Amino acid sequence: NDKLNARILLIKTCVALCPLVGLLGTVTGMITVFEIMAVQGTGNPR
């Protein structure tokens, strides 16, 4: 049973980690948006 279940928890952790890392990307992207707004204002939609 130990041999069968080896690395299963690590696999499940990776599955759970993927959306969390994606959310980290959301936070860093929003920080980028706020930096652009602070420097350029809201006049440059591109």
All heavy atoms as atom14 arrays in JSON, in Angstrom:
{
  "sequence": "NDKLNARILLIKTCVALCPLVGLLGTVTGMITVFEIMAVQGTGNPR",
  "atom14_mask": [
    [1, 1, 1, 1, 1, 1, 1, 1, 0, 0, 0, 0, 0, 0],
    [1, 1, 1, 1, 1, 1, 1, 1, 0, 0, 0, 0, 0, 0],
    [1, 1, 1, 1, 1, 1, 1, 1, 1, 0, 0, 0, 0, 0],
    [1, 1, 1, 1, 1, 1, 1, 1, 0, 0, 0, 0, 0, 0],
    [1, 1, 1, 1, 1, 1, 1, 1, 0, 0, 0, 0, 0, 0],
    [1, 1, 1, 1, 1, 0, 0, 0, 0, 0, 0, 0, 0, 0],
    [1, 1, 1, 1, 1, 1, 1, 1, 1, 1, 1, 0, 0, 0],
    [1, 1, 1, 1, 1, 1, 1, 1, 0, 0, 0, 0, 0, 0],
    [1, 1, 1, 1, 1, 1, 1, 1, 0, 0, 0, 0, 0, 0],
    [1, 1, 1, 1, 1, 1, 1, 1, 0, 0, 0, 0, 0, 0],
    [1, 1, 1, 1, 1, 1, 1, 1, 0, 0, 0, 0, 0, 0],
    [1, 1, 1, 1, 1, 1, 1, 1, 1, 0, 0, 0, 0, 0],
    [1, 1, 1, 1, 1, 1, 1, 0, 0, 0, 0, 0, 0, 0],
    [1, 1, 1, 1, 1, 1, 0, 0, 0, 0, 0, 0, 0, 0],
    [1, 1, 1, 1, 1, 1, 1, 0, 0, 0, 0, 0, 0, 0],
    [1, 1, 1, 1, 1, 0, 0, 0, 0, 0, 0, 0, 0, 0],
    [1, 1, 1, 1, 1, 1, 1, 1, 0, 0, 0, 0, 0, 0],
    [1, 1, 1, 1, 1, 1, 0, 0, 0, 0, 0, 0, 0, 0],
    [1, 1, 1, 1, 1, 1, 1, 0, 0, 0, 0, 0, 0, 0],
    [1, 1, 1, 1, 1, 1, 1, 1, 0, 0, 0, 0, 0, 0],
    [1, 1, 1, 1, 1, 1, 1, 0, 0, 0, 0, 0, 0, 0],
    [1, 1, 1, 1, 0, 0, 0, 0, 0, 0, 0, 0, 0, 0],
    [1, 1, 1, 1, 1, 1, 1, 1, 0, 0, 0, 0, 0, 0],
    [1, 1, 1, 1, 1, 1, 1, 1, 0, 0, 0, 0, 0, 0],
    [1, 1, 1, 1, 0, 0, 0, 0, 0, 0, 0, 0, 0, 0],
    [1, 1, 1, 1, 1, 1, 1, 0, 0, 0, 0, 0, 0, 0],
    [1, 1, 1, 1, 1, 1, 1, 0, 0, 0, 0, 0, 0, 0],
    [1, 1, 1, 1, 1, 1, 1, 0, 0, 0, 0, 0, 0, 0],
    [1, 1, 1, 1, 0, 0, 0, 0, 0, 0, 0, 0, 0, 0],
    [1, 1, 1, 1, 1, 1, 1, 1, 0, 0, 0, 0, 0, 0],
    [1, 1, 1, 1, 1, 1, 1, 1, 0, 0, 0, 0, 0, 0],
    [1, 1, 1, 1, 1, 1, 1, 0, 0, 0, 0, 0, 0, 0],
    [1, 1, 1, 1, 1, 1, 1, 0, 0, 0, 0, 0, 0, 0],
    [1, 1, 1, 1, 1, 1, 1, 1, 1, 1, 1, 0, 0, 0],
    [1, 1, 1, 1, 1, 1, 1, 1, 1, 0, 0, 0, 0, 0],
    [1, 1, 1, 1, 1, 1, 1, 1, 0, 0, 0, 0, 0, 0],
    [1, 1, 1, 1, 1, 1, 1, 1, 0, 0, 0, 0, 0, 0],
    [1, 1, 1, 1, 1, 0, 0, 0, 0, 0, 0, 0, 0, 0],
    [1, 1, 1, 1, 1, 1, 1, 0, 0, 0, 0, 0, 0, 0],
    [1, 1, 1, 1, 1, 1, 1, 1, 1, 0, 0, 0, 0, 0],
    [1, 1, 1, 1, 0, 0, 0, 0, 0, 0, 0, 0, 0, 0],
    [1, 1, 1, 1, 1, 1, 1, 0, 0, 0, 0, 0, 0, 0],
    [1, 1, 1, 1, 0, 0, 0, 0, 0, 0, 0, 0, 0, 0],
    [1, 1, 1, 1, 1, 1, 1, 1, 0, 0, 0, 0, 0, 0],
    [1, 1, 1, 1, 1, 1, 1, 0, 0, 0, 0, 0, 0, 0],
    [1, 1, 1, 1, 1, 1, 1, 1, 1, 1, 1, 0, 0, 0]
  ],
  "atom14_positions": [
    [[0.83, -1.2, 0.0], [0.0, 0.0, 0.0], [0.86, 1.26, 0.0], [0.55, 2.23, -0.7], [-0.93, -0.02, 1.2], [-1.94, 1.09, 1.16], [-2.55, 1.37, 0.12], [-2.14, 1.75, 2.29], [0.0, 0.0, 0.0], [0.0, 0.0, 0.0], [0.0, 0.0, 0.0], [0.0, 0.0, 0.0], [0.0, 0.0, 0.0], [0.0, 0.0, 0.0]],
    [[1.94, 1.25, 0.77], [2.86, 2.39, 0.78], [3.47, 2.61, -0.6], [3.6, 3.75, -1.05], [3.96, 2.18, 1.81], [3.48, 2.36, 3.24], [2.35, 2.86, 3.43], [4.23, 1.98, 4.16], [0.0, 0.0, 0.0], [0.0, 0.0, 0.0], [0.0, 0.0, 0.0], [0.0, 0.0, 0.0], [0.0, 0.0, 0.0], [0.0, 0.0, 0.0]],
    [[3.86, 1.53, -1.25], [4.43, 1.66, -2.6], [3.39, 2.15, -3.59], [3.7, 2.94, -4.48], [5.01, 0.32, -3.05], [6.26, -0.06, -2.29], [6.77, -1.42, -2.7], [7.97, -1.82, -1.86], [8.43, -3.17, -2.11], [0.0, 0.0, 0.0], [0.0, 0.0, 0.0], [0.0, 0.0, 0.0], [0.0, 0.0, 0.0], [0.0, 0.0, 0.0]],
    [[2.15, 1.68, -3.45], [1.09, 2.11, -4.35], [0.77, 3.59, -4.18], [0.53, 4.3, -5.16], [-0.18, 1.28, -4.12], [-0.21, -0.11, -4.7], [-1.4, -0.88, -4.16], [-0.26, -0.06, -6.22], [0.0, 0.0, 0.0], [0.0, 0.0, 0.0], [0.0, 0.0, 0.0], [0.0, 0.0, 0.0], [0.0, 0.0, 0.0], [0.0, 0.0, 0.0]],
    [[0.74, 4.06, -2.94], [0.34, 5.44, -2.67], [1.49, 6.44, -2.7], [1.26, 7.62, -2.43], [-0.36, 5.51, -1.31], [-1.77, 4.98, -1.4], [-2.54, 5.38, -2.25], [-2.1, 4.04, -0.52], [0.0, 0.0, 0.0], [0.0, 0.0, 0.0], [0.0, 0.0, 0.0], [0.0, 0.0, 0.0], [0.0, 0.0, 0.0], [0.0, 0.0, 0.0]],
    [[2.68, 5.98, -3.03], [3.82, 6.9, -3.1], [3.54, 7.97, -4.15], [3.05, 7.68, -5.24], [5.09, 6.13, -3.47], [0.0, 0.0, 0.0], [0.0, 0.0, 0.0], [0.0, 0.0, 0.0], [0.0, 0.0, 0.0], [0.0, 0.0, 0.0], [0.0, 0.0, 0.0], [0.0, 0.0, 0.0], [0.0, 0.0, 0.0], [0.0, 0.0, 0.0]],
    [[3.77, 9.2, -3.8], [3.65, 10.37, -4.67], [2.21, 10.75, -5.04], [2.01, 11.7, -5.78], [4.51, 10.22, -5.91], [5.99, 10.27, -5.56], [6.87, 10.08, -6.75], [7.1, 8.71, -7.15], [7.78, 7.8, -6.47], [8.28, 8.09, -5.33], [7.95, 6.59, -6.94], [0.0, 0.0, 0.0], [0.0, 0.0, 0.0], [0.0, 0.0, 0.0]],
    [[1.22, 10.03, -4.54], [-0.17, 10.41, -4.83], [-0.48, 11.76, -4.17], [-1.11, 12.63, -4.79], [-1.16, 9.32, -4.35], [-0.96, 8.03, -5.14], [-2.6, 9.8, -4.43], [-1.38, 8.08, -6.57], [0.0, 0.0, 0.0], [0.0, 0.0, 0.0], [0.0, 0.0, 0.0], [0.0, 0.0, 0.0], [0.0, 0.0, 0.0], [0.0, 0.0, 0.0]],
    [[-0.04, 11.94, -2.94], [-0.27, 13.21, -2.26], [0.42, 14.36, -2.97], [-0.14, 15.46, -3.09], [0.19, 13.12, -0.8], [-0.1, 14.35, 0.07], [-1.6, 14.6, 0.14], [0.48, 14.16, 1.45], [0.0, 0.0, 0.0], [0.0, 0.0, 0.0], [0.0, 0.0, 0.0], [0.0, 0.0, 0.0], [0.0, 0.0, 0.0], [0.0, 0.0, 0.0]],
    [[1.61, 14.13, -3.49], [2.33, 15.16, -4.24], [1.58, 15.51, -5.53], [1.5, 16.68, -5.91], [3.76, 14.7, -4.54], [4.69, 15.71, -5.17], [4.79, 16.98, -4.33], [6.07, 15.1, -5.38], [0.0, 0.0, 0.0], [0.0, 0.0, 0.0], [0.0, 0.0, 0.0], [0.0, 0.0, 0.0], [0.0, 0.0, 0.0], [0.0, 0.0, 0.0]],
    [[1.02, 14.51, -6.19], [0.23, 14.77, -7.4], [-0.99, 15.62, -7.06], [-1.29, 16.6, -7.75], [-0.18, 13.44, -8.07], [1.04, 12.74, -8.66], [-1.24, 13.67, -9.14], [0.8, 11.32, -9.11], [0.0, 0.0, 0.0], [0.0, 0.0, 0.0], [0.0, 0.0, 0.0], [0.0, 0.0, 0.0], [0.0, 0.0, 0.0], [0.0, 0.0, 0.0]],
    [[-1.69, 15.26, -5.99], [-2.87, 16.02, -5.58], [-2.49, 17.45, -5.18], [-3.24, 18.4, -5.44], [-3.59, 15.31, -4.44], [-4.24, 14.01, -4.89], [-4.68, 13.16, -3.73], [-6.0, 13.6, -3.17], [-6.49, 12.69, -2.13], [0.0, 0.0, 0.0], [0.0, 0.0, 0.0], [0.0, 0.0, 0.0], [0.0, 0.0, 0.0], [0.0, 0.0, 0.0]],
    [[-1.32, 17.6, -4.58], [-0.84, 18.93, -4.22], [-0.56, 19.76, -5.47], [-0.9, 20.95, -5.52], [0.43, 18.83, -3.35], [0.13, 18.06, -2.19], [0.94, 20.19, -2.95], [0.0, 0.0, 0.0], [0.0, 0.0, 0.0], [0.0, 0.0, 0.0], [0.0, 0.0, 0.0], [0.0, 0.0, 0.0], [0.0, 0.0, 0.0], [0.0, 0.0, 0.0]],
    [[0.03, 19.16, -6.48], [0.28, 19.87, -7.74], [-1.03, 20.29, -8.4], [-1.14, 21.4, -8.93], [1.1, 19.01, -8.7], [2.82, 18.82, -8.24], [0.0, 0.0, 0.0], [0.0, 0.0, 0.0], [0.0, 0.0, 0.0], [0.0, 0.0, 0.0], [0.0, 0.0, 0.0], [0.0, 0.0, 0.0], [0.0, 0.0, 0.0], [0.0, 0.0, 0.0]],
    [[-2.04, 19.41, -8.36], [-3.34, 19.75, -8.92], [-3.92, 20.96, -8.19], [-4.45, 21.88, -8.81], [-4.31, 18.55, -8.85], [-5.72, 18.95, -9.17], [-3.86, 17.44, -9.8], [0.0, 0.0, 0.0], [0.0, 0.0, 0.0], [0.0, 0.0, 0.0], [0.0, 0.0, 0.0], [0.0, 0.0, 0.0], [0.0, 0.0, 0.0], [0.0, 0.0, 0.0]],
    [[-3.82, 20.97, -6.87], [-4.35, 22.09, -6.09], [-3.51, 23.35, -6.25], [-4.03, 24.46, -6.12], [-4.43, 21.69, -4.62], [0.0, 0.0, 0.0], [0.0, 0.0, 0.0], [0.0, 0.0, 0.0], [0.0, 0.0, 0.0], [0.0, 0.0, 0.0], [0.0, 0.0, 0.0], [0.0, 0.0, 0.0], [0.0, 0.0, 0.0], [0.0, 0.0, 0.0]],
    [[-2.24, 23.2, -6.55], [-1.34, 24.33, -6.65], [-1.52, 25.11, -7.96], [-1.3, 26.33, -7.98], [0.1, 23.84, -6.53], [1.18, 24.82, -6.15], [0.86, 25.42, -4.79], [2.52, 24.13, -6.11], [0.0, 0.0, 0.0], [0.0, 0.0, 0.0], [0.0, 0.0, 0.0], [0.0, 0.0, 0.0], [0.0, 0.0, 0.0], [0.0, 0.0, 0.0]],
    [[-1.91, 24.42, -9.02], [-2.05, 25.08, -10.34], [-2.96, 26.31, -10.31], [-2.56, 27.38, -10.77], [-2.51, 24.07, -11.39], [-1.22, 22.96, -11.94], [0.0, 0.0, 0.0], [0.0, 0.0, 0.0], [0.0, 0.0, 0.0], [0.0, 0.0, 0.0], [0.0, 0.0, 0.0], [0.0, 0.0, 0.0], [0.0, 0.0, 0.0], [0.0, 0.0, 0.0]],
    [[-4.2, 26.21, -9.79], [-5.03, 27.42, -9.78], [-4.48, 28.51, -8.86], [-4.65, 29.7, -9.14], [-6.4, 26.94, -9.26], [-6.36, 25.49, -9.21], [-4.94, 25.04, -9.34], [0.0, 0.0, 0.0], [0.0, 0.0, 0.0], [0.0, 0.0, 0.0], [0.0, 0.0, 0.0], [0.0, 0.0, 0.0], [0.0, 0.0, 0.0], [0.0, 0.0, 0.0]],
    [[-3.8, 28.1, -7.79], [-3.24, 29.1, -6.88], [-2.11, 29.88, -7.55], [-1.99, 31.1, -7.37], [-2.75, 28.44, -5.6], [-3.84, 27.79, -4.75], [-3.23, 27.08, -3.56], [-4.86, 28.81, -4.31], [0.0, 0.0, 0.0], [0.0, 0.0, 0.0], [0.0, 0.0, 0.0], [0.0, 0.0, 0.0], [0.0, 0.0, 0.0], [0.0, 0.0, 0.0]],
    [[-1.29, 29.2, -8.32], [-0.24, 29.89, -9.07], [-0.88, 30.8, -10.12], [-0.39, 31.91, -10.37], [0.74, 28.88, -9.7], [1.74, 29.57, -10.6], [1.47, 28.1, -8.62], [0.0, 0.0, 0.0], [0.0, 0.0, 0.0], [0.0, 0.0, 0.0], [0.0, 0.0, 0.0], [0.0, 0.0, 0.0], [0.0, 0.0, 0.0], [0.0, 0.0, 0.0]],
    [[-1.97, 30.32, -10.74], [-2.69, 31.17, -11.68], [-3.21, 32.44, -11.02], [-3.16, 33.53, -11.59], [0.0, 0.0, 0.0], [0.0, 0.0, 0.0], [0.0, 0.0, 0.0], [0.0, 0.0, 0.0], [0.0, 0.0, 0.0], [0.0, 0.0, 0.0], [0.0, 0.0, 0.0], [0.0, 0.0, 0.0], [0.0, 0.0, 0.0], [0.0, 0.0, 0.0]],
    [[-3.7, 32.31, -9.79], [-4.16, 33.5, -9.06], [-3.01, 34.43, -8.73], [-3.2, 35.65, -8.69], [-4.9, 33.08, -7.8], [-6.28, 32.49, -8.03], [-6.86, 31.97, -6.71], [-7.21, 33.5, -8.67], [0.0, 0.0, 0.0], [0.0, 0.0, 0.0], [0.0, 0.0, 0.0], [0.0, 0.0, 0.0], [0.0, 0.0, 0.0], [0.0, 0.0, 0.0]],
    [[-1.84, 33.87, -8.49], [-0.66, 34.71, -8.31], [-0.43, 35.55, -9.56], [-0.09, 36.73, -9.48], [0.57, 33.85, -7.99], [1.9, 34.59, -7.9], [1.9, 35.52, -6.7], [3.04, 33.6, -7.82], [0.0, 0.0, 0.0], [0.0, 0.0, 0.0], [0.0, 0.0, 0.0], [0.0, 0.0, 0.0], [0.0, 0.0, 0.0], [0.0, 0.0, 0.0]],
    [[-0.63, 34.93, -10.73], [-0.51, 35.67, -11.98], [-1.55, 36.77, -12.08], [-1.28, 37.85, -12.62], [0.0, 0.0, 0.0], [0.0, 0.0, 0.0], [0.0, 0.0, 0.0], [0.0, 0.0, 0.0], [0.0, 0.0, 0.0], [0.0, 0.0, 0.0], [0.0, 0.0, 0.0], [0.0, 0.0, 0.0], [0.0, 0.0, 0.0], [0.0, 0.0, 0.0]],
    [[-2.75, 36.53, -11.57], [-3.79, 37.55, -11.56], [-3.35, 38.74, -10.72], [-3.5, 39.9, -11.12], [-5.11, 36.97, -11.02], [-5.51, 35.91, -11.86], [-6.19, 38.02, -10.96], [0.0, 0.0, 0.0], [0.0, 0.0, 0.0], [0.0, 0.0, 0.0], [0.0, 0.0, 0.0], [0.0, 0.0, 0.0], [0.0, 0.0, 0.0], [0.0, 0.0, 0.0]],
    [[-2.81, 38.46, -9.55], [-2.37, 39.55, -8.67], [-1.25, 40.34, -9.31], [-1.28, 41.58, -9.32], [-1.93, 38.97, -7.29], [-1.26, 40.03, -6.44], [-3.13, 38.37, -6.58], [0.0, 0.0, 0.0], [0.0, 0.0, 0.0], [0.0, 0.0, 0.0], [0.0, 0.0, 0.0], [0.0, 0.0, 0.0], [0.0, 0.0, 0.0], [0.0, 0.0, 0.0]],
    [[-0.26, 39.66, -9.88], [0.85, 40.4, -10.51], [0.37, 41.18, -11.73], [0.85, 42.29, -11.98], [2.0, 39.45, -10.9], [1.51, 38.45, -11.8], [2.62, 38.8, -9.69], [0.0, 0.0, 0.0], [0.0, 0.0, 0.0], [0.0, 0.0, 0.0], [0.0, 0.0, 0.0], [0.0, 0.0, 0.0], [0.0, 0.0, 0.0], [0.0, 0.0, 0.0]],
    [[-0.57, 40.63, -12.48], [-1.13, 41.36, -13.62], [-1.9, 42.59, -13.19], [-1.81, 43.66, -13.83], [0.0, 0.0, 0.0], [0.0, 0.0, 0.0], [0.0, 0.0, 0.0], [0.0, 0.0, 0.0], [0.0, 0.0, 0.0], [0.0, 0.0, 0.0], [0.0, 0.0, 0.0], [0.0, 0.0, 0.0], [0.0, 0.0, 0.0], [0.0, 0.0, 0.0]],
    [[-2.65, 42.48, -12.11], [-3.4, 43.65, -11.62], [-2.45, 44.71, -11.07], [-2.71, 45.91, -11.22], [-4.42, 43.22, -10.56], [-5.56, 42.38, -11.12], [-6.37, 43.08, -12.58], [-7.12, 44.54, -11.91], [0.0, 0.0, 0.0], [0.0, 0.0, 0.0], [0.0, 0.0, 0.0], [0.0, 0.0, 0.0], [0.0, 0.0, 0.0], [0.0, 0.0, 0.0]],
    [[-1.36, 44.28, -10.46], [-0.36, 45.25, -10.0], [0.2, 46.0, -11.2], [0.39, 47.22, -11.16], [0.75, 44.54, -9.19], [0.2, 44.09, -7.85], [1.97, 45.43, -9.02], [1.13, 43.2, -7.06], [0.0, 0.0, 0.0], [0.0, 0.0, 0.0], [0.0, 0.0, 0.0], [0.0, 0.0, 0.0], [0.0, 0.0, 0.0], [0.0, 0.0, 0.0]],
    [[0.43, 45.28, -12.3], [0.91, 45.92, -13.52], [-0.1, 46.95, -14.02], [0.27, 48.06, -14.43], [1.18, 44.86, -14.61], [2.11, 43.92, -14.11], [1.72, 45.49, -15.87], [0.0, 0.0, 0.0], [0.0, 0.0, 0.0], [0.0, 0.0, 0.0], [0.0, 0.0, 0.0], [0.0, 0.0, 0.0], [0.0, 0.0, 0.0], [0.0, 0.0, 0.0]],
    [[-1.39, 46.6, -13.99], [-2.44, 47.53, -14.43], [-2.42, 48.78, -13.55], [-2.49, 49.91, -14.06], [-3.83, 46.85, -14.39], [-4.94, 47.87, -14.59], [-3.92, 45.77, -15.45], [0.0, 0.0, 0.0], [0.0, 0.0, 0.0], [0.0, 0.0, 0.0], [0.0, 0.0, 0.0], [0.0, 0.0, 0.0], [0.0, 0.0, 0.0], [0.0, 0.0, 0.0]],
    [[-2.31, 48.58, -12.24], [-2.32, 49.73, -11.34], [-1.07, 50.59, -11.53], [-1.15, 51.83, -11.41], [-2.47, 49.29, -9.89], [-3.81, 48.69, -9.6], [-3.91, 47.54, -8.83], [-4.98, 49.25, -10.1], [-5.16, 46.98, -8.57], [-6.22, 48.7, -9.84], [-6.31, 47.56, -9.06], [0.0, 0.0, 0.0], [0.0, 0.0, 0.0], [0.0, 0.0, 0.0]],
    [[0.07, 49.97, -11.82], [1.28, 50.75, -12.09], [1.1, 51.59, -13.34], [1.5, 52.76, -13.38], [2.48, 49.83, -12.25], [3.01, 49.26, -10.96], [4.16, 48.28, -11.18], [4.46, 47.94, -12.35], [4.74, 47.84, -10.17], [0.0, 0.0, 0.0], [0.0, 0.0, 0.0], [0.0, 0.0, 0.0], [0.0, 0.0, 0.0], [0.0, 0.0, 0.0]],
    [[0.5, 50.99, -14.37], [0.27, 51.73, -15.62], [-0.68, 52.89, -15.37], [-0.48, 54.01, -15.86], [-0.28, 50.78, -16.71], [0.82, 49.81, -17.15], [-0.81, 51.56, -17.9], [0.33, 48.67, -18.02], [0.0, 0.0, 0.0], [0.0, 0.0, 0.0], [0.0, 0.0, 0.0], [0.0, 0.0, 0.0], [0.0, 0.0, 0.0], [0.0, 0.0, 0.0]],
    [[-1.73, 52.63, -14.59], [-2.68, 53.7, -14.29], [-2.01, 54.82, -13.49], [-2.32, 56.0, -13.68], [-3.87, 53.13, -13.51], [-4.79, 52.29, -14.37], [-6.08, 51.43, -13.44], [-7.0, 52.79, -12.76], [0.0, 0.0, 0.0], [0.0, 0.0, 0.0], [0.0, 0.0, 0.0], [0.0, 0.0, 0.0], [0.0, 0.0, 0.0], [0.0, 0.0, 0.0]],
    [[-1.09, 54.46, -12.6], [-0.41, 55.48, -11.8], [0.52, 56.33, -12.64], [0.62, 57.54, -12.43], [0.37, 54.82, -10.67], [0.0, 0.0, 0.0], [0.0, 0.0, 0.0], [0.0, 0.0, 0.0], [0.0, 0.0, 0.0], [0.0, 0.0, 0.0], [0.0, 0.0, 0.0], [0.0, 0.0, 0.0], [0.0, 0.0, 0.0], [0.0, 0.0, 0.0]],
    [[1.17, 55.71, -13.6], [2.14, 56.44, -14.42], [1.47, 57.15, -15.6], [1.69, 58.33, -15.84], [3.24, 55.47, -14.93], [4.17, 56.16, -15.91], [4.03, 54.91, -13.76], [0.0, 0.0, 0.0], [0.0, 0.0, 0.0], [0.0, 0.0, 0.0], [0.0, 0.0, 0.0], [0.0, 0.0, 0.0], [0.0, 0.0, 0.0], [0.0, 0.0, 0.0]],
    [[0.61, 56.43, -16.33], [0.02, 56.95, -17.56], [-1.37, 57.56, -17.36], [-1.86, 58.24, -18.24], [-0.1, 55.83, -18.6], [1.18, 55.15, -18.95], [2.04, 55.99, -19.88], [1.52, 56.75, -20.69], [3.35, 55.88, -19.74], [0.0, 0.0, 0.0], [0.0, 0.0, 0.0], [0.0, 0.0, 0.0], [0.0, 0.0, 0.0], [0.0, 0.0, 0.0]],
    [[-2.0, 57.23, -16.28], [-3.4, 57.62, -16.1], [-4.29, 56.58, -16.76], [-3.84, 55.53, -17.21], [0.0, 0.0, 0.0], [0.0, 0.0, 0.0], [0.0, 0.0, 0.0], [0.0, 0.0, 0.0], [0.0, 0.0, 0.0], [0.0, 0.0, 0.0], [0.0, 0.0, 0.0], [0.0, 0.0, 0.0], [0.0, 0.0, 0.0], [0.0, 0.0, 0.0]],
    [[-5.56, 56.89, -16.82], [-6.5, 55.93, -17.43], [-6.73, 56.23, -18.9], [-7.62, 55.68, -19.52], [-7.85, 55.98, -16.69], [-8.35, 57.31, -16.73], [-7.68, 55.51, -15.26], [0.0, 0.0, 0.0], [0.0, 0.0, 0.0], [0.0, 0.0, 0.0], [0.0, 0.0, 0.0], [0.0, 0.0, 0.0], [0.0, 0.0, 0.0], [0.0, 0.0, 0.0]],
    [[-5.91, 57.1, -19.48], [-6.13, 57.5, -20.87], [-5.55, 56.56, -21.9], [-5.78, 56.77, -23.1], [0.0, 0.0, 0.0], [0.0, 0.0, 0.0], [0.0, 0.0, 0.0], [0.0, 0.0, 0.0], [0.0, 0.0, 0.0], [0.0, 0.0, 0.0], [0.0, 0.0, 0.0], [0.0, 0.0, 0.0], [0.0, 0.0, 0.0], [0.0, 0.0, 0.0]],
    [[-4.79, 55.56, -21.51], [-4.19, 54.65, -22.49], [-4.77, 53.24, -22.3], [-4.21, 52.41, -21.58], [-2.67, 54.63, -22.31], [-1.97, 53.99, -23.5], [-2.59, 53.23, -24.26], [-0.69, 54.29, -23.65], [0.0, 0.0, 0.0], [0.0, 0.0, 0.0], [0.0, 0.0, 0.0], [0.0, 0.0, 0.0], [0.0, 0.0, 0.0], [0.0, 0.0, 0.0]],
    [[-5.88, 52.96, -22.98], [-6.53, 51.65, -22.79], [-5.69, 50.48, -23.33], [-5.82, 49.36, -22.85], [-7.85, 51.77, -23.56], [-7.7, 52.94, -24.45], [-6.64, 53.81, -23.87], [0.0, 0.0, 0.0], [0.0, 0.0, 0.0], [0.0, 0.0, 0.0], [0.0, 0.0, 0.0], [0.0, 0.0, 0.0], [0.0, 0.0, 0.0], [0.0, 0.0, 0.0]],
    [[-4.84, 50.72, -24.31], [-4.03, 49.63, -24.85], [-3.06, 49.08, -23.81], [-2.9, 47.88, -23.66], [-3.26, 50.11, -26.08], [-2.44, 49.01, -26.73], [-1.92, 49.43, -28.03], [-3.09, 49.64, -28.88], [-3.08, 49.64, -30.19], [-1.97, 49.47, -30.81], [-4.15, 49.83, -30.89], [0.0, 0.0, 0.0], [0.0, 0.0, 0.0], [0.0, 0.0, 0.0]]
  ]
}
